[in-house]
Amino acid sequence: MLTIADLQKGQNAIIKSFPLESVPLKLLEMGCLPGNEVELVQQAPFNDPLYLNINGSHLAIRKETAEKIEIQLK
């Protein structure tokens, strides 16, 4: 199972699924939903947080959360 935490800088994927209780509501409101495209823009030092582009919205999420969001590479 690949997750957002497995992406390399500049790599794109499609969000497949995640447990609803493990993803903050704010991420859902900003487009972190199954079927949406995600790109890893940058990683902070020590790989936490991860800076993402999800359907044109730039988000920073913790690696702990990223490990729970399953993806499919494009």
PDB file of N, CA and C in Angstrom:
ATOM      1  N   MET A   1       0.841  -1.175   0.000  1.00  0.00           N
ATOM      2  CA  MET A   1       0.000   0.000   0.000  1.00  0.00           C
ATOM      3  C   MET A   1       0.892   1.247   0.000  1.00  0.00           C
ATOM      4  N   LEU A   2       0.744   2.067  -1.017  1.00  0.00           N
ATOM      5  CA  LEU A   2       1.479   3.327  -1.085  1.00  0.00           C
ATOM      6  C   LEU A   2       0.683   4.423  -0.389  1.00  0.00           C
ATOM      7  N   THR A   3       1.395   5.322   0.276  1.00  0.00           N
ATOM      8  CA  THR A   3       0.745   6.445   0.941  1.00  0.00           C
ATOM      9  C   THR A   3       1.404   7.748   0.477  1.00  0.00           C
ATOM     10  N   ILE A   4       0.801   8.862   0.857  1.00  0.00           N
ATOM     11  CA  ILE A   4       1.382  10.166   0.512  1.00  0.00           C
ATOM     12  C   ILE A   4       2.804  10.281   1.055  1.00  0.00           C
ATOM     13  N   ALA A   5       3.086   9.659   2.182  1.00  0.00           N
ATOM     14  CA  ALA A   5       4.424   9.719   2.779  1.00  0.00           C
ATOM     15  C   ALA A   5       5.477   9.049   1.894  1.00  0.00           C
ATOM     16  N   ASP A   6       5.056   8.209   0.944  1.00  0.00           N
ATOM     17  CA  ASP A   6       5.990   7.511   0.052  1.00  0.00           C
ATOM     18  C   ASP A   6       6.337   8.315  -1.194  1.00  0.00           C
ATOM     19  N   LEU A   7       5.639   9.421  -1.439  1.00  0.00           N
ATOM     20  CA  LEU A   7       5.901  10.224  -2.639  1.00  0.00           C
ATOM     21  C   LEU A   7       7.286  10.859  -2.592  1.00  0.00           C
ATOM     22  N   GLN A   8       7.874  11.008  -3.771  1.00  0.00           N
ATOM     23  CA  GLN A   8       9.122  11.739  -3.927  1.00  0.00           C
ATOM     24  C   GLN A   8       8.780  13.140  -4.428  1.00  0.00           C
ATOM     25  N   LYS A   9       9.671  14.091  -4.199  1.00  0.00           N
ATOM     26  CA  LYS A   9       9.438  15.483  -4.605  1.00  0.00           C
ATOM     27  C   LYS A   9       9.101  15.554  -6.091  1.00  0.00           C
ATOM     28  N   GLY A  10       7.983  16.232  -6.409  1.00  0.00           N
ATOM     29  CA  GLY A  10       7.538  16.392  -7.784  1.00  0.00           C
ATOM     30  C   GLY A  10       6.671  15.261  -8.311  1.00  0.00           C
ATOM     31  N   GLN A  11       6.508  14.204  -7.552  1.00  0.00           N
ATOM     32  CA  GLN A  11       5.723  13.045  -7.981  1.00  0.00           C
ATOM     33  C   GLN A  11       4.230  13.294  -7.766  1.00  0.00           C
ATOM     34  N   ASN A  12       3.416  12.808  -8.703  1.00  0.00           N
ATOM     35  CA  ASN A  12       1.960  12.964  -8.647  1.00  0.00           C
ATOM     36  C   ASN A  12       1.289  11.630  -8.392  1.00  0.00           C
ATOM     37  N   ALA A  13       0.122  11.689  -7.757  1.00  0.00           N
ATOM     38  CA  ALA A  13      -0.662  10.484  -7.489  1.00  0.00           C
ATOM     39  C   ALA A  13      -2.126  10.877  -7.324  1.00  0.00           C
ATOM     40  N   ILE A  14      -2.965   9.868  -7.249  1.00  0.00           N
ATOM     41  CA  ILE A  14      -4.388  10.057  -6.996  1.00  0.00           C
ATOM     42  C   ILE A  14      -4.686   9.489  -5.610  1.00  0.00           C
ATOM     43  N   ILE A  15      -5.436  10.228  -4.814  1.00  0.00           N
ATOM     44  CA  ILE A  15      -5.825   9.753  -3.482  1.00  0.00           C
ATOM     45  C   ILE A  15      -6.851   8.645  -3.651  1.00  0.00           C
ATOM     46  N   LYS A  16      -6.583   7.481  -3.037  1.00  0.00           N
ATOM     47  CA  LYS A  16      -7.506   6.345  -3.138  1.00  0.00           C
ATOM     48  C   LYS A  16      -8.457   6.282  -1.955  1.00  0.00           C
ATOM     49  N   SER A  17      -7.904   6.210  -0.753  1.00  0.00           N
ATOM     50  CA  SER A  17      -8.760   6.059   0.430  1.00  0.00           C
ATOM     51  C   SER A  17      -7.981   6.379   1.691  1.00  0.00           C
ATOM     52  N   PHE A  18      -8.739   6.530   2.780  1.00  0.00           N
ATOM     53  CA  PHE A  18      -8.147   6.760   4.095  1.00  0.00           C
ATOM     54  C   PHE A  18      -9.249   6.603   5.128  1.00  0.00           C
ATOM     55  N   PRO A  19      -8.866   6.250   6.368  1.00  0.00           N
ATOM     56  CA  PRO A  19      -9.870   6.190   7.437  1.00  0.00           C
ATOM     57  C   PRO A  19     -10.293   7.612   7.827  1.00  0.00           C
ATOM     58  N   LEU A  20     -11.575   7.900   7.777  1.00  0.00           N
ATOM     59  CA  LEU A  20     -12.074   9.254   8.045  1.00  0.00           C
ATOM     60  C   LEU A  20     -11.632   9.809   9.389  1.00  0.00           C
ATOM     61  N   GLU A  21     -11.545   8.956  10.401  1.00  0.00           N
ATOM     62  CA  GLU A  21     -11.190   9.442  11.736  1.00  0.00           C
ATOM     63  C   GLU A  21      -9.711   9.840  11.850  1.00  0.00           C
ATOM     64  N   SER A  22      -8.895   9.457  10.867  1.00  0.00           N
ATOM     65  CA  SER A  22      -7.458   9.756  10.952  1.00  0.00           C
ATOM     66  C   SER A  22      -7.061  11.027  10.194  1.00  0.00           C
ATOM     67  N   VAL A  23      -7.998  11.627   9.457  1.00  0.00           N
ATOM     68  CA  VAL A  23      -7.692  12.827   8.676  1.00  0.00           C
ATOM     69  C   VAL A  23      -8.494  13.998   9.238  1.00  0.00           C
ATOM     70  N   PRO A  24      -7.826  15.073   9.620  1.00  0.00           N
ATOM     71  CA  PRO A  24      -8.544  16.231  10.170  1.00  0.00           C
ATOM     72  C   PRO A  24      -9.568  16.790   9.182  1.00  0.00           C
ATOM     73  N   LEU A  25     -10.677  17.261   9.699  1.00  0.00           N
ATOM     74  CA  LEU A  25     -11.753  17.827   8.892  1.00  0.00           C
ATOM     75  C   LEU A  25     -11.253  18.952   7.995  1.00  0.00           C
ATOM     76  N   LYS A  26     -10.331  19.745   8.473  1.00  0.00           N
ATOM     77  CA  LYS A  26      -9.790  20.869   7.696  1.00  0.00           C
ATOM     78  C   LYS A  26      -9.165  20.374   6.386  1.00  0.00           C
ATOM     79  N   LEU A  27      -8.486  19.228   6.407  1.00  0.00           N
ATOM     80  CA  LEU A  27      -7.898  18.680   5.181  1.00  0.00           C
ATOM     81  C   LEU A  27      -8.982  18.277   4.195  1.00  0.00           C
ATOM     82  N   LEU A  28     -10.058  17.692   4.700  1.00  0.00           N
ATOM     83  CA  LEU A  28     -11.168  17.305   3.837  1.00  0.00           C
ATOM     84  C   LEU A  28     -11.778  18.540   3.174  1.00  0.00           C
ATOM     85  N   GLU A  29     -11.945  19.601   3.957  1.00  0.00           N
ATOM     86  CA  GLU A  29     -12.516  20.836   3.421  1.00  0.00           C
ATOM     87  C   GLU A  29     -11.632  21.478   2.361  1.00  0.00           C
ATOM     88  N   MET A  30     -10.333  21.226   2.426  1.00  0.00           N
ATOM     89  CA  MET A  30      -9.394  21.828   1.477  1.00  0.00           C
ATOM     90  C   MET A  30      -9.122  20.924   0.272  1.00  0.00           C
ATOM     91  N   GLY A  31      -9.876  19.832   0.133  1.00  0.00           N
ATOM     92  CA  GLY A  31      -9.773  19.009  -1.073  1.00  0.00           C
ATOM     93  C   GLY A  31      -9.053  17.697  -0.937  1.00  0.00           C
ATOM     94  N   CYS A  32      -8.666  17.315   0.241  1.00  0.00           N
ATOM     95  CA  CYS A  32      -7.987  16.029   0.436  1.00  0.00           C
ATOM     96  C   CYS A  32      -9.052  14.924   0.469  1.00  0.00           C
ATOM     97  N   LEU A  33      -9.524  14.573  -0.740  1.00  0.00           N
ATOM     98  CA  LEU A  33     -10.613  13.614  -0.882  1.00  0.00           C
ATOM     99  C   LEU A  33     -10.235  12.544  -1.902  1.00  0.00           C
ATOM    100  N   PRO A  34     -10.789  11.340  -1.771  1.00  0.00           N
ATOM    101  CA  PRO A  34     -10.513  10.293  -2.765  1.00  0.00           C
ATOM    102  C   PRO A  34     -10.845  10.767  -4.175  1.00  0.00           C
ATOM    103  N   GLY A  35      -9.959  10.442  -5.115  1.00  0.00           N
ATOM    104  CA  GLY A  35     -10.127  10.826  -6.508  1.00  0.00           C
ATOM    105  C   GLY A  35      -9.390  12.093  -6.881  1.00  0.00           C
ATOM    106  N   ASN A  36      -8.966  12.874  -5.910  1.00  0.00           N
ATOM    107  CA  ASN A  36      -8.239  14.108  -6.192  1.00  0.00           C
ATOM    108  C   ASN A  36      -6.755  13.833  -6.391  1.00  0.00           C
ATOM    109  N   GLU A  37      -6.125  14.679  -7.192  1.00  0.00           N
ATOM    110  CA  GLU A  37      -4.698  14.544  -7.486  1.00  0.00           C
ATOM    111  C   GLU A  37      -3.878  15.222  -6.401  1.00  0.00           C
ATOM    112  N   VAL A  38      -2.761  14.601  -6.054  1.00  0.00           N
ATOM    113  CA  VAL A  38      -1.860  15.146  -5.047  1.00  0.00           C
ATOM    114  C   VAL A  38      -0.432  15.129  -5.594  1.00  0.00           C
ATOM    115  N   GLU A  39       0.316  16.194  -5.306  1.00  0.00           N
ATOM    116  CA  GLU A  39       1.725  16.283  -5.704  1.00  0.00           C
ATOM    117  C   GLU A  39       2.542  16.697  -4.493  1.00  0.00           C
ATOM    118  N   LEU A  40       3.666  16.023  -4.282  1.00  0.00           N
ATOM    119  CA  LEU A  40       4.574  16.419  -3.206  1.00  0.00           C
ATOM    120  C   LEU A  40       5.434  17.566  -3.723  1.00  0.00           C
ATOM    121  N   VAL A  41       5.251  18.748  -3.134  1.00  0.00           N
ATOM    122  CA  VAL A  41       5.971  19.943  -3.551  1.00  0.00           C
ATOM    123  C   VAL A  41       7.329  20.023  -2.857  1.00  0.00           C
ATOM    124  N   GLN A  42       7.346  19.756  -1.556  1.00  0.00           N
ATOM    125  CA  GLN A  42       8.582  19.896  -0.780  1.00  0.00           C
ATOM    126  C   GLN A  42       8.449  19.155   0.541  1.00  0.00           C
ATOM    127  N   GLN A  43       9.585  18.730   1.076  1.00  0.00           N
ATOM    128  CA  GLN A  43       9.639  18.134   2.404  1.00  0.00           C
ATOM    129  C   GLN A  43      10.451  19.044   3.305  1.00  0.00           C
ATOM    130  N   ALA A  44       9.954  19.254   4.497  1.00  0.00           N
ATOM    131  CA  ALA A  44      10.694  20.041   5.478  1.00  0.00           C
ATOM    132  C   ALA A  44      11.854  19.198   6.018  1.00  0.00           C
ATOM    133  N   PRO A  45      12.784  19.816   6.727  1.00  0.00           N
ATOM    134  CA  PRO A  45      13.862  19.035   7.341  1.00  0.00           C
ATOM    135  C   PRO A  45      13.296  17.901   8.200  1.00  0.00           C
ATOM    136  N   PHE A  46      13.938  16.777   8.156  1.00  0.00           N
ATOM    137  CA  PHE A  46      13.519  15.564   8.861  1.00  0.00           C
ATOM    138  C   PHE A  46      12.201  15.016   8.309  1.00  0.00           C
ATOM    139  N   ASN A  47      11.824  15.441   7.083  1.00  0.00           N
ATOM    140  CA  ASN A  47      10.646  14.945   6.365  1.00  0.00           C
ATOM    141  C   ASN A  47       9.322  15.189   7.067  1.00  0.00           C
ATOM    142  N   ASP A  48       9.224  16.192   7.903  1.00  0.00           N
ATOM    143  CA  ASP A  48       7.966  16.471   8.594  1.00  0.00           C
ATOM    144  C   ASP A  48       7.862  17.959   8.865  1.00  0.00           C
ATOM    145  N   PRO A  49       6.910  18.683   8.343  1.00  0.00           N
ATOM    146  CA  PRO A  49       5.758  18.225   7.568  1.00  0.00           C
ATOM    147  C   PRO A  49       6.073  18.093   6.079  1.00  0.00           C
ATOM    148  N   LEU A  50       5.071  17.599   5.329  1.00  0.00           N
ATOM    149  CA  LEU A  50       5.150  17.479   3.885  1.00  0.00           C
ATOM    150  C   LEU A  50       4.305  18.594   3.278  1.00  0.00           C
ATOM    151  N   TYR A  51       4.826  19.248   2.269  1.00  0.00           N
ATOM    152  CA  TYR A  51       4.100  20.318   1.589  1.00  0.00           C
ATOM    153  C   TYR A  51       3.515  19.752   0.302  1.00  0.00           C
ATOM    154  N   LEU A  52       2.187  19.817   0.171  1.00  0.00           N
ATOM    155  CA  LEU A  52       1.475  19.181  -0.931  1.00  0.00           C
ATOM    156  C   LEU A  52       0.701  20.187  -1.758  1.00  0.00           C
ATOM    157  N   ASN A  53       0.464  19.817  -3.002  1.00  0.00           N
ATOM    158  CA  ASN A  53      -0.462  20.531  -3.870  1.00  0.00           C
ATOM    159  C   ASN A  53      -1.592  19.547  -4.151  1.00  0.00           C
ATOM    160  N   ILE A  54      -2.784  19.851  -3.648  1.00  0.00           N
ATOM    161  CA  ILE A  54      -3.948  18.998  -3.874  1.00  0.00           C
ATOM    162  C   ILE A  54      -4.976  19.826  -4.620  1.00  0.00           C
ATOM    163  N   ASN A  55      -5.160  19.500  -5.911  1.00  0.00           N
ATOM    164  CA  ASN A  55      -6.108  20.225  -6.769  1.00  0.00           C
ATOM    165  C   ASN A  55      -5.922  21.738  -6.698  1.00  0.00           C
ATOM    166  N   GLY A  56      -4.682  22.201  -6.707  1.00  0.00           N
ATOM    167  CA  GLY A  56      -4.401  23.631  -6.717  1.00  0.00           C
ATOM    168  C   GLY A  56      -4.295  24.277  -5.340  1.00  0.00           C
ATOM    169  N   SER A  57      -4.628  23.544  -4.285  1.00  0.00           N
ATOM    170  CA  SER A  57      -4.481  24.068  -2.922  1.00  0.00           C
ATOM    171  C   SER A  57      -3.159  23.584  -2.348  1.00  0.00           C
ATOM    172  N   HIS A  58      -2.405  24.485  -1.747  1.00  0.00           N
ATOM    173  CA  HIS A  58      -1.140  24.108  -1.117  1.00  0.00           C
ATOM    174  C   HIS A  58      -1.388  23.854   0.357  1.00  0.00           C
ATOM    175  N   LEU A  59      -1.005  22.655   0.817  1.00  0.00           N
ATOM    176  CA  LEU A  59      -1.235  22.231   2.191  1.00  0.00           C
ATOM    177  C   LEU A  59       0.052  21.698   2.795  1.00  0.00           C
ATOM    178  N   ALA A  60       0.158  21.813   4.086  1.00  0.00           N
ATOM    179  CA  ALA A  60       1.241  21.176   4.828  1.00  0.00           C
ATOM    180  C   ALA A  60       0.592  20.181   5.778  1.00  0.00           C
ATOM    181  N   ILE A  61       1.027  18.929   5.695  1.00  0.00           N
ATOM    182  CA  ILE A  61       0.471  17.921   6.604  1.00  0.00           C
ATOM    183  C   ILE A  61       1.601  17.163   7.277  1.00  0.00           C
ATOM    184  N   ARG A  62       1.300  16.673   8.439  1.00  0.00           N
ATOM    185  CA  ARG A  62       2.280  15.899   9.194  1.00  0.00           C
ATOM    186  C   ARG A  62       2.513  14.551   8.531  1.00  0.00           C
ATOM    187  N   LYS A  63       3.711  14.043   8.648  1.00  0.00           N
ATOM    188  CA  LYS A  63       4.031  12.741   8.059  1.00  0.00           C
ATOM    189  C   LYS A  63       3.135  11.656   8.660  1.00  0.00           C
ATOM    190  N   GLU A  64       2.831  11.782   9.937  1.00  0.00           N
ATOM    191  CA  GLU A  64       1.965  10.818  10.623  1.00  0.00           C
ATOM    192  C   GLU A  64       0.596  10.716   9.927  1.00  0.00           C
ATOM    193  N   THR A  65       0.054  11.845   9.500  1.00  0.00           N
ATOM    194  CA  THR A  65      -1.223  11.853   8.776  1.00  0.00           C
ATOM    195  C   THR A  65      -1.034  11.334   7.357  1.00  0.00           C
ATOM    196  N   ALA A  66       0.038  11.744   6.698  1.00  0.00           N
ATOM    197  CA  ALA A  66       0.320  11.327   5.322  1.00  0.00           C
ATOM    198  C   ALA A  66       0.441   9.809   5.202  1.00  0.00           C
ATOM    199  N   GLU A  67       0.915   9.154   6.234  1.00  0.00           N
ATOM    200  CA  GLU A  67       1.081   7.697   6.223  1.00  0.00           C
ATOM    201  C   GLU A  67      -0.248   6.958   6.248  1.00  0.00           C
ATOM    202  N   LYS A  68      -1.337   7.647   6.495  1.00  0.00           N
ATOM    203  CA  LYS A  68      -2.652   7.010   6.563  1.00  0.00           C
ATOM    204  C   LYS A  68      -3.482   7.224   5.300  1.00  0.00           C
ATOM    205  N   ILE A  69      -2.976   8.042   4.369  1.00  0.00           N
ATOM    206  CA  ILE A  69      -3.721   8.352   3.147  1.00  0.00           C
ATOM    207  C   ILE A  69      -3.162   7.529   2.002  1.00  0.00           C
ATOM    208  N   GLU A  70      -3.940   6.561   1.545  1.00  0.00           N
ATOM    209  CA  GLU A  70      -3.512   5.653   0.482  1.00  0.00           C
ATOM    210  C   GLU A  70      -3.630   6.332  -0.878  1.00  0.00           C
ATOM    211  N   ILE A  71      -2.632   6.086  -1.741  1.00  0.00           N
ATOM    212  CA  ILE A  71      -2.598   6.711  -3.062  1.00  0.00           C
ATOM    213  C   ILE A  71      -2.347   5.675  -4.147  1.00  0.00           C
ATOM    214  N   GLN A  72      -2.558   6.122  -5.389  1.00  0.00           N
ATOM    215  CA  GLN A  72      -2.208   5.341  -6.566  1.00  0.00           C
ATOM    216  C   GLN A  72      -1.379   6.254  -7.453  1.00  0.00           C
ATOM    217  N   LEU A  73      -0.185   5.815  -7.820  1.00  0.00           N
ATOM    218  CA  LEU A  73       0.690   6.641  -8.664  1.00  0.00           C
ATOM    219  C   LEU A  73       0.088   6.812 -10.043  1.00  0.00           C
ATOM    220  N   LYS A  74       0.358   7.970 -10.648  1.00  0.00           N
ATOM    221  CA  LYS A  74      -0.146   8.257 -12.007  1.00  0.00           C
ATOM    222  C   LYS A  74       0.792   7.689 -13.036  1.00  0.00           C
TER     223      LYS A  74
END
